[in-house]
Amino acid sequence: MTGPRPAGGPGPAAEPEALVPGDDEPWLRLDRRMLLVHPIQEIVKFLPAVIGAVVLGVSSGNPLYSLLGLVFVVPYALTLWFTTTYRVGPTHVELRTGLIRRKRLAVPRARIRSVDIEADPLHRILGLAVVVIGTGQEAEAGDRFELDALATGHVRPLRAELLAHTRTLPTAAGDPAPAGLPSGPGTGPEVLAAERGAEIGHWQPGWVRYAPLSLTGFAIAASALGLAAQFGFGAAELSIGHDTVDTVRGFGVLSLLLVGLATLLALVVVVSVAACAHYLATYYGLRVTDHGNTLQIRRGLFTLRRITLDTARLRGATLREPLLLRLAGAAQLEAVMTGENPRQKILPQSPRAAVERTLARLLSPHRNANPSATAPRPAALADIPLTRHGPAARRRRYVRACWPVPLTAGVLLLVTAADWQVPVWWWLLPAGLAPVCALLAEDRYRGLGHAVVPATAGSPTWLVVRSGSLDRERTCLEAPGIIGWNVRQTFWQRRAGLATVGAATAAGKKLYLVQDIPQDRAWAVLDRVAAGVAGRGPATDAHHPE
């Protein structure tokens, strides 16, 4: 075997101490530089105990007590390197860990579907990387086949070798090594060819302007406020007494309004900065590379991650368009996959044109056994006209969106009839809700639709569904990935002649809904998709303007 071999990832099986038949490779250790990393990692992990020891030393007046945490944590961290060994044999990748309770994990090489690489700032400074081998199945945290860590010079050739069985290598004699790839043993034409690939998407610095248009910043700000409240930060300053009430009364209405607007503006600025910082730290330098049977995603500013996806588990893609992103002409792209990462994000908040280009190449028919140059480009899947669901579906959208208006008006009428004094400006509430609810209902109807794209040479039948308004999603699902159907009608749907059709799949959200489709069309959609799966020939789905 060539060079040090790592192992790691979901789905390994615990093996008895008996050797795996046929695997007689020597056991190897992690890189020696991990003797510097493990103590720091464990100190961070046991930080509460270390802080407790420091507090004990200060309160007791004996500074030696402050070292108690380090006395126990550092030796334990050093034993991690001495008790961890691994080997890569011709049939299995194996890992042994543990001092008192030994554990041995083994993954058959034929089942390896991903080899992910991760390196935080400390690892990158020392020239190390963490390698995680996955089989495409979920695993408990303790069963992750993870090597922390190997020298970066051995990681990329090892990844290409472990994934060699998942790809067809387009080798070419005399091809030069790409810049940045290691040379020497284990970097032959096959390995180098595996590391090359066609770039189908990449991140650009200008995309950071879309980061504040999501709820990420609000989630970060809420987490920070919750953490501060948990530790009692600012509790004294937030106490309200008679002096506070008197001070507030001294301000005029206009002054209070200006203070409120200034506070809101400051919150928006803080949230936007937090969202941009998170966006840069997570997606800086993102590149999506297609290697034929695998897809590799590289991203990260401080912590560098290289994610490998097996395209044999790809069942489609979802184009997400939250309201603010949609108004800004942007979207997000997720892969619909089976296995441990059913909704792997391919592109974050990005211009819609870039998302459509990546979607077209992600779902390209070149991965099929007999691709055809005449096969339609899946670019149309991102903007193909969808079949509208008719006036009954539109009425249902209005009824479900506008019910707060008559409810609010009815409550005000009851209060007024009971001779309670109701300020006139309260009647502005239902009057203001009416246009907002109507706009929401119309947007929800405009976002409702479906299409069945018939199969052609080299391309399967596709089911395209779209729904939502505040968080609109358009999913392209390949028909061979659909394993069942669910047709549901509520009491009110039966009276309106509508039905909700669910396409069941082992990937993504598991169930993708065609909502409020006319009942007579529901079975036609099932028949068209089933015809494409069974290969009974192409089918068409008429597009109705209403």
Protein backbone atom coordinates (compact mmCIF):
# COMPACT_ATOMS: atom_id res chain seq x y z
CA MET A 1 0.00 0.00 0.00
CA THR A 2 1.16 3.55 -0.61
CA GLY A 3 1.92 5.86 2.30
CA PRO A 4 0.03 6.24 5.57
CA ARG A 5 -3.61 5.33 5.24
CA PRO A 6 -6.39 6.93 7.26
CA ALA A 7 -9.85 5.67 7.92
CA GLY A 8 -13.03 7.19 9.24
CA GLY A 9 -16.74 7.73 8.72
CA PRO A 10 -20.24 6.51 9.34
CA GLY A 11 -21.29 2.96 8.97
CA PRO A 12 -18.28 0.94 10.23
CA ALA A 13 -18.79 -2.37 11.95
CA ALA A 14 -17.14 -3.38 15.21
CA GLU A 15 -14.92 -6.38 14.57
CA PRO A 16 -13.51 -8.97 16.98
CA GLU A 17 -9.82 -8.88 17.70
CA ALA A 18 -9.24 -11.61 15.14
CA LEU A 19 -7.60 -10.26 12.02
CA VAL A 20 -9.78 -9.54 9.03
CA PRO A 21 -9.08 -12.34 6.54
CA GLY A 22 -6.64 -11.28 3.87
CA ASP A 23 -5.61 -8.01 5.56
CA ASP A 24 -2.05 -8.38 6.82
CA GLU A 25 -0.83 -4.79 6.42
CA PRO A 26 1.11 -3.38 9.40
CA TRP A 27 -0.66 -1.18 11.94
CA LEU A 28 0.27 2.50 11.72
CA ARG A 29 0.00 5.42 14.13
CA LEU A 30 -1.28 8.93 13.66
CA ASP A 31 1.15 11.71 12.87
CA ARG A 32 3.45 12.55 15.82
CA ARG A 33 2.44 16.19 15.60
CA MET A 34 -0.86 15.17 17.18
CA LEU A 35 1.01 15.00 20.49
CA LEU A 36 0.79 18.80 20.38
CA VAL A 37 -2.84 18.91 19.26
CA HIS A 38 -4.49 16.33 21.55
CA PRO A 39 -3.68 18.17 24.82
CA ILE A 40 -5.16 21.42 23.50
CA GLN A 41 -8.28 19.63 22.24
CA GLU A 42 -8.85 17.86 25.55
CA ILE A 43 -8.27 21.01 27.61
CA VAL A 44 -10.99 22.74 25.56
CA LYS A 45 -13.27 19.70 25.96
CA PHE A 46 -12.77 19.60 29.75
CA LEU A 47 -12.64 23.38 30.11
CA PRO A 48 -15.27 23.51 32.93
CA ALA A 49 -13.16 21.11 35.03
CA VAL A 50 -10.00 23.10 34.32
CA ILE A 51 -11.74 26.35 35.29
CA GLY A 52 -13.07 24.69 38.44
CA ALA A 53 -9.53 23.69 39.43
CA VAL A 54 -8.32 27.26 38.92
CA VAL A 55 -11.16 28.63 41.04
CA LEU A 56 -10.34 26.07 43.74
CA GLY A 57 -6.69 27.12 43.72
CA VAL A 58 -7.53 30.81 44.01
CA SER A 59 -10.12 30.36 46.76
CA SER A 60 -7.92 28.01 48.81
CA GLY A 61 -4.83 30.16 48.51
CA ASN A 62 -2.81 27.21 47.19
CA PRO A 63 -1.90 27.85 43.52
CA LEU A 64 -0.90 24.18 43.06
CA TYR A 65 -4.58 23.23 43.07
CA SER A 66 -4.95 25.20 39.84
CA LEU A 67 -2.80 22.58 38.12
CA LEU A 68 -5.00 19.64 39.11
CA GLY A 69 -7.02 19.86 35.90
CA LEU A 70 -3.91 19.86 33.72
CA VAL A 71 -2.36 16.99 35.69
CA PHE A 72 -5.23 14.69 34.69
CA VAL A 73 -6.21 16.07 31.27
CA VAL A 74 -2.79 16.34 29.59
CA PRO A 75 -1.60 12.75 30.31
CA TYR A 76 -4.98 11.43 29.15
CA ALA A 77 -4.65 13.43 25.92
CA LEU A 78 -1.19 12.03 25.27
CA THR A 79 -2.43 8.44 25.64
CA LEU A 80 -4.81 9.02 22.70
CA TRP A 81 -1.85 8.98 20.31
CA PHE A 82 -0.26 5.87 21.84
CA THR A 83 -3.51 3.87 21.90
CA THR A 84 -4.74 4.71 18.36
CA THR A 85 -3.57 2.64 15.40
CA TYR A 86 -4.99 2.00 11.96
CA ARG A 87 -4.28 0.14 8.76
CA VAL A 88 -5.59 -0.03 5.22
CA GLY A 89 -5.65 -3.54 3.83
CA PRO A 90 -6.71 -4.86 0.44
CA THR A 91 -10.28 -5.52 1.64
CA HIS A 92 -10.86 -3.49 4.84
CA VAL A 93 -9.89 -0.27 6.57
CA GLU A 94 -9.45 -0.82 10.32
CA LEU A 95 -9.09 1.38 13.40
CA ARG A 96 -8.18 0.44 16.97
CA THR A 97 -8.71 2.91 19.84
CA GLY A 98 -9.06 2.92 23.63
CA LEU A 99 -6.82 2.32 26.65
CA ILE A 100 -9.02 0.50 29.17
CA ARG A 101 -11.91 -0.36 26.85
CA ARG A 102 -10.44 -1.27 23.49
CA LYS A 103 -12.55 -0.81 20.39
CA ARG A 104 -11.86 -2.00 16.87
CA LEU A 105 -13.76 -0.74 13.83
CA ALA A 106 -13.59 -2.06 10.30
CA VAL A 107 -15.05 -0.81 7.02
CA PRO A 108 -15.04 -2.93 3.84
CA ARG A 109 -13.32 -0.92 1.14
CA ALA A 110 -16.01 -1.86 -1.37
CA ARG A 111 -18.60 -0.05 0.78
CA ILE A 112 -16.69 3.23 1.09
CA ARG A 113 -18.73 6.04 -0.46
CA SER A 114 -17.05 9.16 0.94
CA VAL A 115 -13.71 10.29 2.30
CA ASP A 116 -14.16 13.72 3.89
CA ILE A 117 -11.26 15.93 4.96
CA GLU A 118 -11.36 18.59 7.66
CA ALA A 119 -8.65 20.84 9.08
CA ASP A 120 -9.18 23.52 11.73
CA PRO A 121 -6.65 26.38 12.14
CA LEU A 122 -4.43 24.39 14.52
CA HIS A 123 -4.31 21.41 12.18
CA ARG A 124 -3.56 23.67 9.21
CA ILE A 125 -0.68 25.36 11.03
CA LEU A 126 0.87 21.96 11.76
CA GLY A 127 0.19 20.58 8.26
CA LEU A 128 -2.36 18.01 9.42
CA ALA A 129 -5.89 17.02 8.40
CA VAL A 130 -8.68 14.90 9.85
CA VAL A 131 -9.96 12.13 7.58
CA VAL A 132 -13.45 10.64 7.90
CA ILE A 133 -14.46 7.60 5.86
CA GLY A 134 -18.18 7.06 5.28
CA THR A 135 -20.28 4.28 3.82
CA GLY A 136 -23.32 6.48 3.16
CA GLN A 137 -25.12 5.20 6.27
CA GLU A 138 -25.75 6.98 9.54
CA ALA A 139 -23.63 5.98 12.52
CA GLU A 140 -23.43 6.80 16.21
CA ALA A 141 -20.90 9.41 17.29
CA GLY A 142 -18.73 6.72 18.88
CA ASP A 143 -18.67 4.66 15.68
CA ARG A 144 -17.42 7.40 13.38
CA PHE A 145 -14.41 6.09 11.48
CA GLU A 146 -12.25 9.14 11.99
CA LEU A 147 -8.50 9.59 11.94
CA ASP A 148 -7.36 12.70 13.77
CA ALA A 149 -4.98 13.32 12.06
CA LEU A 150 -2.61 12.60 9.15
CA ALA A 151 -0.08 14.68 7.27
CA THR A 152 -1.73 16.60 4.45
CA GLY A 153 0.74 15.21 1.92
CA HIS A 154 -0.73 11.72 2.37
CA VAL A 155 -4.40 12.62 2.61
CA ARG A 156 -5.32 13.48 -0.98
CA PRO A 157 -3.60 10.49 -2.62
CA LEU A 158 -5.19 8.26 -0.01
CA ARG A 159 -8.64 9.67 -0.69
CA ALA A 160 -8.26 9.10 -4.42
CA GLU A 161 -7.13 5.51 -3.83
CA LEU A 162 -9.96 4.67 -1.42
CA LEU A 163 -12.53 6.10 -3.82
CA ALA A 164 -11.01 4.50 -6.92
CA HIS A 165 -13.74 1.85 -7.02
CA THR A 166 -16.47 4.54 -7.19
CA ARG A 167 -15.25 6.31 -10.30
CA THR A 168 -14.15 5.69 -13.84
CA LEU A 169 -10.76 7.34 -14.13
CA PRO A 170 -10.16 9.25 -17.40
CA THR A 171 -6.44 8.58 -17.41
CA ALA A 172 -4.25 10.19 -20.01
CA ALA A 173 -0.62 9.29 -20.48
CA GLY A 174 1.82 12.09 -19.90
CA ASP A 175 -0.66 14.43 -18.19
CA PRO A 176 1.18 16.80 -15.86
CA ALA A 177 0.30 16.86 -12.18
CA PRO A 178 -2.11 19.63 -11.27
CA ALA A 179 -0.72 22.46 -9.17
CA GLY A 180 -0.88 21.78 -5.46
CA LEU A 181 -0.96 17.98 -5.70
CA PRO A 182 1.78 15.97 -4.02
CA SER A 183 4.18 13.98 -6.10
CA GLY A 184 6.08 10.81 -5.44
CA PRO A 185 4.85 7.38 -4.37
CA GLY A 186 1.11 6.93 -4.50
CA THR A 187 0.55 9.76 -7.00
CA GLY A 188 0.43 7.93 -10.29
CA PRO A 189 -1.78 8.81 -13.27
CA GLU A 190 -4.81 7.12 -11.71
CA VAL A 191 -4.56 9.12 -8.49
CA LEU A 192 -3.92 12.39 -10.30
CA ALA A 193 -6.83 11.75 -12.65
CA ALA A 194 -9.04 11.08 -9.66
CA GLU A 195 -8.06 14.42 -8.14
CA ARG A 196 -8.95 16.29 -11.33
CA GLY A 197 -12.51 17.04 -12.24
CA ALA A 198 -14.86 19.50 -13.85
CA GLU A 199 -15.74 22.50 -11.71
CA ILE A 200 -19.52 22.98 -11.69
CA GLY A 201 -19.73 25.80 -9.17
CA HIS A 202 -17.57 28.16 -7.17
CA TRP A 203 -18.01 30.90 -4.60
CA GLN A 204 -17.41 34.58 -5.30
CA PRO A 205 -16.70 37.29 -2.67
CA GLY A 206 -19.56 39.47 -3.87
CA TRP A 207 -22.07 36.81 -2.79
CA VAL A 208 -21.61 37.78 0.85
CA ARG A 209 -24.17 40.54 0.26
CA TYR A 210 -26.87 37.85 0.27
CA ALA A 211 -25.93 36.57 3.74
CA PRO A 212 -28.14 39.02 5.72
CA LEU A 213 -31.19 37.92 3.68
CA SER A 214 -31.50 34.69 5.67
CA LEU A 215 -32.34 33.93 9.29
CA THR A 216 -28.80 32.79 10.15
CA GLY A 217 -27.84 36.10 11.71
CA PHE A 218 -30.98 36.18 13.85
CA ALA A 219 -30.24 32.63 15.06
CA ILE A 220 -26.67 33.61 16.01
CA ALA A 221 -27.86 36.76 17.80
CA ALA A 222 -30.56 34.81 19.65
CA SER A 223 -27.99 32.21 20.74
CA ALA A 224 -25.66 34.95 22.04
CA LEU A 225 -28.49 36.63 23.96
CA GLY A 226 -29.59 33.29 25.41
CA LEU A 227 -26.04 32.52 26.52
CA ALA A 228 -25.73 35.94 28.14
CA ALA A 229 -29.06 35.51 29.93
CA GLN A 230 -28.05 32.03 31.14
CA PHE A 231 -25.00 33.44 32.88
CA GLY A 232 -26.95 36.40 34.28
CA PHE A 233 -25.19 39.01 32.16
CA GLY A 234 -26.95 42.34 32.38
CA ALA A 235 -29.63 41.16 34.84
CA ALA A 236 -28.98 44.10 37.15
CA GLU A 237 -29.09 46.61 34.33
CA LEU A 238 -32.47 45.28 33.11
CA SER A 239 -34.25 45.76 36.45
CA ILE A 240 -37.23 48.10 36.18
CA GLY A 241 -38.37 50.30 39.06
CA HIS A 242 -40.32 53.47 39.73
CA ASP A 243 -37.44 55.64 38.55
CA THR A 244 -37.43 53.83 35.20
CA VAL A 245 -41.18 54.40 34.73
CA ASP A 246 -40.84 58.08 35.59
CA THR A 247 -37.94 58.47 33.15
CA VAL A 248 -39.96 56.87 30.34
CA ARG A 249 -42.92 59.16 31.04
CA GLY A 250 -40.59 62.13 30.66
CA PHE A 251 -39.93 61.26 27.02
CA GLY A 252 -42.34 62.25 24.34
CA VAL A 253 -43.95 59.79 21.92
CA LEU A 254 -41.69 60.96 19.10
CA SER A 255 -38.58 60.46 21.23
CA LEU A 256 -39.63 56.93 22.16
CA LEU A 257 -40.34 56.17 18.52
CA LEU A 258 -36.90 57.38 17.48
CA VAL A 259 -35.26 55.33 20.23
CA GLY A 260 -37.18 52.27 19.07
CA LEU A 261 -36.15 52.81 15.44
CA ALA A 262 -32.52 53.32 16.46
CA THR A 263 -32.60 50.10 18.50
CA LEU A 264 -34.13 48.20 15.60
CA LEU A 265 -31.52 49.59 13.20
CA ALA A 266 -28.70 48.61 15.58
CA LEU A 267 -30.16 45.09 15.85
CA VAL A 268 -30.35 44.76 12.06
CA VAL A 269 -26.73 45.90 11.72
CA VAL A 270 -25.51 43.44 14.39
CA VAL A 271 -27.50 40.58 12.87
CA SER A 272 -26.26 41.39 9.36
CA VAL A 273 -22.63 41.49 10.51
CA ALA A 274 -23.08 38.15 12.31
CA ALA A 275 -24.66 36.60 9.21
CA CYS A 276 -21.85 37.86 6.94
CA ALA A 277 -19.18 36.58 9.35
CA HIS A 278 -20.82 33.16 9.51
CA TYR A 279 -21.19 33.10 5.72
CA LEU A 280 -17.51 33.94 5.16
CA ALA A 281 -16.25 31.49 7.78
CA THR A 282 -18.35 28.64 6.40
CA TYR A 283 -18.34 29.11 2.61
CA TYR A 284 -15.19 31.09 1.83
CA GLY A 285 -13.41 29.59 -1.19
CA LEU A 286 -16.22 27.12 -1.94
CA ARG A 287 -15.66 24.99 -5.03
CA VAL A 288 -17.84 22.17 -6.28
CA THR A 289 -15.99 19.69 -8.49
CA ASP A 290 -17.57 16.86 -10.46
CA HIS A 291 -15.38 13.75 -10.72
CA GLY A 292 -17.91 11.67 -12.60
CA ASN A 293 -19.17 9.27 -9.94
CA THR A 294 -18.26 11.50 -7.01
CA LEU A 295 -18.86 15.13 -6.18
CA GLN A 296 -16.36 17.01 -4.03
CA ILE A 297 -17.10 20.23 -2.12
CA ARG A 298 -14.27 22.33 -0.71
CA ARG A 299 -15.07 25.25 1.60
CA GLY A 300 -14.09 27.10 4.77
CA LEU A 301 -12.08 30.12 5.87
CA PHE A 302 -10.66 29.00 9.21
CA THR A 303 -11.70 25.33 9.24
CA LEU A 304 -11.13 23.82 5.81
CA ARG A 305 -13.56 21.07 4.79
CA ARG A 306 -13.51 18.74 1.80
CA ILE A 307 -16.75 16.79 1.46
CA THR A 308 -17.14 13.84 -0.90
CA LEU A 309 -20.59 12.85 -2.20
CA ASP A 310 -21.34 9.63 -4.06
CA THR A 311 -23.48 10.62 -7.05
CA ALA A 312 -24.94 7.11 -7.16
CA ARG A 313 -26.95 8.28 -4.15
CA LEU A 314 -28.10 11.47 -5.89
CA ARG A 315 -31.84 11.53 -6.54
CA GLY A 316 -32.30 15.15 -7.53
CA ALA A 317 -31.86 18.68 -6.23
CA THR A 318 -33.83 21.37 -4.41
CA LEU A 319 -33.69 25.04 -5.32
CA ARG A 320 -34.62 27.03 -2.20
CA GLU A 321 -35.93 30.58 -2.56
CA PRO A 322 -36.83 32.28 0.74
CA LEU A 323 -38.79 35.46 0.22
CA LEU A 324 -35.95 37.96 0.80
CA LEU A 325 -33.53 35.97 -1.34
CA ARG A 326 -36.12 35.65 -4.09
CA LEU A 327 -36.70 39.41 -4.13
CA ALA A 328 -32.93 39.91 -4.45
CA GLY A 329 -32.69 37.45 -7.37
CA ALA A 330 -30.83 34.82 -5.35
CA ALA A 331 -31.39 31.22 -4.22
CA GLN A 332 -29.75 28.22 -2.55
CA LEU A 333 -29.06 24.76 -3.95
CA GLU A 334 -29.28 21.46 -2.06
CA ALA A 335 -28.66 17.94 -3.30
CA VAL A 336 -31.39 15.36 -2.64
CA MET A 337 -29.45 12.26 -1.60
CA THR A 338 -29.90 9.01 0.27
CA GLY A 339 -27.69 8.21 3.25
CA GLU A 340 -26.17 10.26 6.03
CA ASN A 341 -26.52 13.74 4.45
CA PRO A 342 -29.93 13.65 2.75
CA ARG A 343 -30.00 17.42 2.09
CA GLN A 344 -26.40 18.38 1.43
CA LYS A 345 -26.03 22.08 0.60
CA ILE A 346 -24.23 22.54 -2.71
CA LEU A 347 -24.39 26.33 -3.04
CA PRO A 348 -25.28 28.80 -0.25
CA GLN A 349 -27.06 32.12 -0.87
CA SER A 350 -26.01 32.83 -4.46
CA PRO A 351 -27.29 34.60 -7.59
CA ARG A 352 -30.03 32.56 -9.20
CA ALA A 353 -28.15 32.40 -12.50
CA ALA A 354 -25.20 30.73 -10.78
CA VAL A 355 -27.54 28.30 -9.00
CA GLU A 356 -29.22 27.37 -12.27
CA ARG A 357 -25.87 26.72 -13.97
CA THR A 358 -24.74 24.45 -11.15
CA LEU A 359 -28.10 22.69 -11.10
CA ALA A 360 -27.88 22.00 -14.81
CA ARG A 361 -24.44 20.41 -14.49
CA LEU A 362 -25.30 18.59 -11.27
CA LEU A 363 -28.23 16.79 -12.92
CA SER A 364 -26.50 16.40 -16.27
CA PRO A 365 -27.21 13.10 -18.05
CA HIS A 366 -23.48 12.42 -18.54
CA ARG A 367 -23.53 10.04 -15.56
CA ASN A 368 -25.93 7.62 -17.25
CA ALA A 369 -24.71 4.45 -18.80
CA ASN A 370 -25.54 5.53 -22.36
CA PRO A 371 -25.49 9.33 -22.46
CA SER A 372 -26.76 10.92 -25.60
CA ALA A 373 -25.77 14.23 -27.11
CA THR A 374 -29.44 14.77 -27.98
CA ALA A 375 -30.59 14.44 -24.37
CA PRO A 376 -32.20 17.66 -23.12
CA ARG A 377 -30.06 19.74 -20.83
CA PRO A 378 -31.51 19.75 -17.28
CA ALA A 379 -31.06 23.52 -17.20
CA ALA A 380 -34.74 23.63 -18.12
CA LEU A 381 -35.57 21.96 -14.80
CA ALA A 382 -34.78 25.23 -13.02
CA ASP A 383 -37.15 27.39 -15.10
CA ILE A 384 -39.44 24.97 -16.99
CA PRO A 385 -43.06 26.24 -16.99
CA LEU A 386 -45.09 24.48 -14.32
CA THR A 387 -48.66 23.28 -14.49
CA ARG A 388 -50.90 25.56 -12.44
CA HIS A 389 -53.44 23.92 -10.13
CA GLY A 390 -56.49 25.94 -11.11
CA PRO A 391 -59.03 28.27 -9.45
CA ALA A 392 -59.98 25.81 -6.69
CA ALA A 393 -56.38 25.73 -5.44
CA ARG A 394 -56.24 29.53 -5.61
CA ARG A 395 -59.42 29.86 -3.51
CA ARG A 396 -57.96 27.46 -0.96
CA ARG A 397 -54.82 29.61 -0.72
CA TYR A 398 -56.93 32.73 -0.06
CA VAL A 399 -59.10 31.02 2.53
CA ARG A 400 -56.13 29.64 4.45
CA ALA A 401 -54.17 32.91 4.31
CA CYS A 402 -56.95 35.42 4.97
CA TRP A 403 -58.80 33.85 7.92
CA PRO A 404 -57.17 36.26 10.44
CA VAL A 405 -59.01 39.19 8.82
CA PRO A 406 -62.63 38.11 9.52
CA LEU A 407 -61.56 36.65 12.87
CA THR A 408 -60.09 39.98 14.02
CA ALA A 409 -63.07 41.93 12.71
CA GLY A 410 -65.48 39.52 14.44
CA VAL A 411 -63.73 39.89 17.78
CA LEU A 412 -63.88 43.68 17.51
CA LEU A 413 -67.61 43.52 16.66
CA LEU A 414 -68.31 41.30 19.68
CA VAL A 415 -66.38 43.62 21.96
CA THR A 416 -68.24 46.62 20.58
CA ALA A 417 -71.61 44.85 20.97
CA ALA A 418 -70.78 44.20 24.61
CA ASP A 419 -70.57 48.02 25.14
CA TRP A 420 -66.83 47.94 25.73
CA GLN A 421 -64.91 50.99 24.69
CA VAL A 422 -62.75 50.13 21.66
CA PRO A 423 -60.43 52.83 20.27
CA VAL A 424 -61.11 53.60 16.63
CA TRP A 425 -57.54 52.88 15.60
CA TRP A 426 -58.03 49.18 16.54
CA TRP A 427 -60.13 48.85 13.37
CA LEU A 428 -56.98 49.59 11.39
CA LEU A 429 -55.75 46.09 12.33
CA PRO A 430 -58.13 44.05 10.10
CA ALA A 431 -57.93 46.76 7.43
CA GLY A 432 -54.14 46.46 7.38
CA LEU A 433 -54.15 42.65 7.54
CA ALA A 434 -56.43 42.30 4.49
CA PRO A 435 -53.95 43.41 1.76
CA VAL A 436 -51.03 41.62 3.46
CA CYS A 437 -52.92 38.32 3.63
CA ALA A 438 -54.18 38.72 0.06
CA LEU A 439 -50.64 39.29 -1.24
CA LEU A 440 -49.41 36.26 0.70
CA ALA A 441 -52.20 34.09 -0.71
CA GLU A 442 -51.53 35.18 -4.29
CA ASP A 443 -47.80 34.60 -3.90
CA ARG A 444 -48.44 31.14 -2.46
CA TYR A 445 -50.61 30.30 -5.46
CA ARG A 446 -48.04 31.60 -7.91
CA GLY A 447 -45.47 29.38 -6.21
CA LEU A 448 -47.68 26.31 -6.53
CA GLY A 449 -47.13 23.99 -9.48
CA HIS A 450 -45.67 20.82 -10.90
CA ALA A 451 -44.34 19.33 -14.11
CA VAL A 452 -43.40 15.89 -15.43
CA VAL A 453 -40.42 16.01 -17.78
CA PRO A 454 -40.50 12.89 -19.97
CA ALA A 455 -37.54 10.57 -20.27
CA THR A 456 -35.25 10.75 -23.26
CA ALA A 457 -32.11 8.91 -24.29
CA GLY A 458 -29.61 9.35 -21.49
CA SER A 459 -31.99 11.22 -19.15
CA PRO A 460 -34.67 9.77 -16.82
CA THR A 461 -38.15 11.08 -16.21
CA TRP A 462 -38.18 14.01 -13.79
CA LEU A 463 -40.90 15.14 -11.41
CA VAL A 464 -40.64 18.87 -10.63
CA VAL A 465 -42.67 20.23 -7.70
CA ARG A 466 -42.80 23.74 -6.26
CA SER A 467 -44.62 25.21 -3.28
CA GLY A 468 -44.30 27.84 -0.56
CA SER A 469 -44.03 31.59 -0.33
CA LEU A 470 -41.96 32.72 2.66
CA ASP A 471 -39.73 29.69 2.13
CA ARG A 472 -40.34 28.50 -1.43
CA GLU A 473 -38.78 25.28 -2.66
CA ARG A 474 -38.54 23.84 -6.16
CA THR A 475 -37.47 20.19 -6.16
CA CYS A 476 -36.37 18.17 -9.18
CA LEU A 477 -36.80 14.48 -8.34
CA GLU A 478 -35.80 11.70 -10.72
CA ALA A 479 -38.53 9.14 -11.26
CA PRO A 480 -36.34 6.04 -10.65
CA GLY A 481 -35.75 7.34 -7.11
CA ILE A 482 -39.49 7.35 -6.27
CA ILE A 483 -40.40 4.22 -4.32
CA GLY A 484 -44.07 4.89 -3.57
CA TRP A 485 -46.99 7.29 -3.71
CA ASN A 486 -49.36 8.82 -1.18
CA VAL A 487 -52.62 10.43 -2.32
CA ARG A 488 -54.42 12.30 0.47
CA GLN A 489 -57.69 14.27 0.58
CA THR A 490 -58.91 16.22 3.58
CA PHE A 491 -62.59 16.97 4.20
CA TRP A 492 -62.34 20.39 2.53
CA GLN A 493 -60.18 19.10 -0.33
CA ARG A 494 -62.85 16.54 -1.24
CA ARG A 495 -65.46 19.31 -1.48
CA ALA A 496 -63.13 21.39 -3.67
CA GLY A 497 -62.15 18.46 -5.91
CA LEU A 498 -58.48 18.66 -4.90
CA ALA A 499 -55.90 16.19 -3.64
CA THR A 500 -52.33 16.20 -2.35
CA VAL A 501 -50.00 13.73 -4.03
CA GLY A 502 -46.88 12.65 -2.15
CA ALA A 503 -43.88 11.09 -3.91
CA ALA A 504 -42.08 8.86 -1.43
CA THR A 505 -38.33 8.40 -1.76
CA ALA A 506 -35.44 7.25 0.42
CA ALA A 507 -33.66 10.57 -0.16
CA GLY A 508 -33.98 14.12 1.11
CA LYS A 509 -37.22 14.90 2.99
CA LYS A 510 -38.52 11.38 2.16
CA LEU A 511 -41.88 12.73 0.97
CA TYR A 512 -42.31 15.44 -1.68
CA LEU A 513 -45.81 16.86 -2.03
CA VAL A 514 -47.75 18.06 -5.05
CA GLN A 515 -50.19 20.16 -3.07
CA ASP A 516 -53.84 20.86 -3.98
CA ILE A 517 -53.74 19.35 -7.46
CA PRO A 518 -57.12 18.79 -9.19
CA GLN A 519 -58.27 15.26 -8.42
CA ASP A 520 -58.54 14.20 -12.05
CA ARG A 521 -54.94 15.27 -12.71
CA ALA A 522 -53.51 13.50 -9.64
CA TRP A 523 -53.75 10.02 -11.12
CA ALA A 524 -52.52 11.29 -14.49
CA VAL A 525 -49.32 12.52 -12.82
CA LEU A 526 -48.80 9.14 -11.17
CA ASP A 527 -49.31 7.36 -14.49
CA ARG A 528 -46.90 9.63 -16.38
CA VAL A 529 -44.14 9.23 -13.80
CA ALA A 530 -44.73 5.47 -13.57
CA ALA A 531 -44.58 5.23 -17.36
CA GLY A 532 -41.18 6.90 -17.29
CA VAL A 533 -39.91 4.52 -14.62
CA ALA A 534 -41.20 1.47 -16.44
CA GLY A 535 -39.78 2.70 -19.74
CA ARG A 536 -43.14 2.67 -21.51
CA GLY A 537 -42.17 5.72 -23.49
CA PRO A 538 -42.24 9.47 -23.07
CA ALA A 539 -45.27 11.25 -21.72
CA THR A 540 -46.35 14.85 -21.71
CA ASP A 541 -47.89 17.05 -19.06
CA ALA A 542 -49.90 19.93 -20.41
CA HIS A 543 -49.20 23.35 -18.97
CA HIS A 544 -52.33 25.28 -18.08
CA PRO A 545 -52.30 29.05 -17.75
CA GLU A 546 -54.68 28.97 -14.78
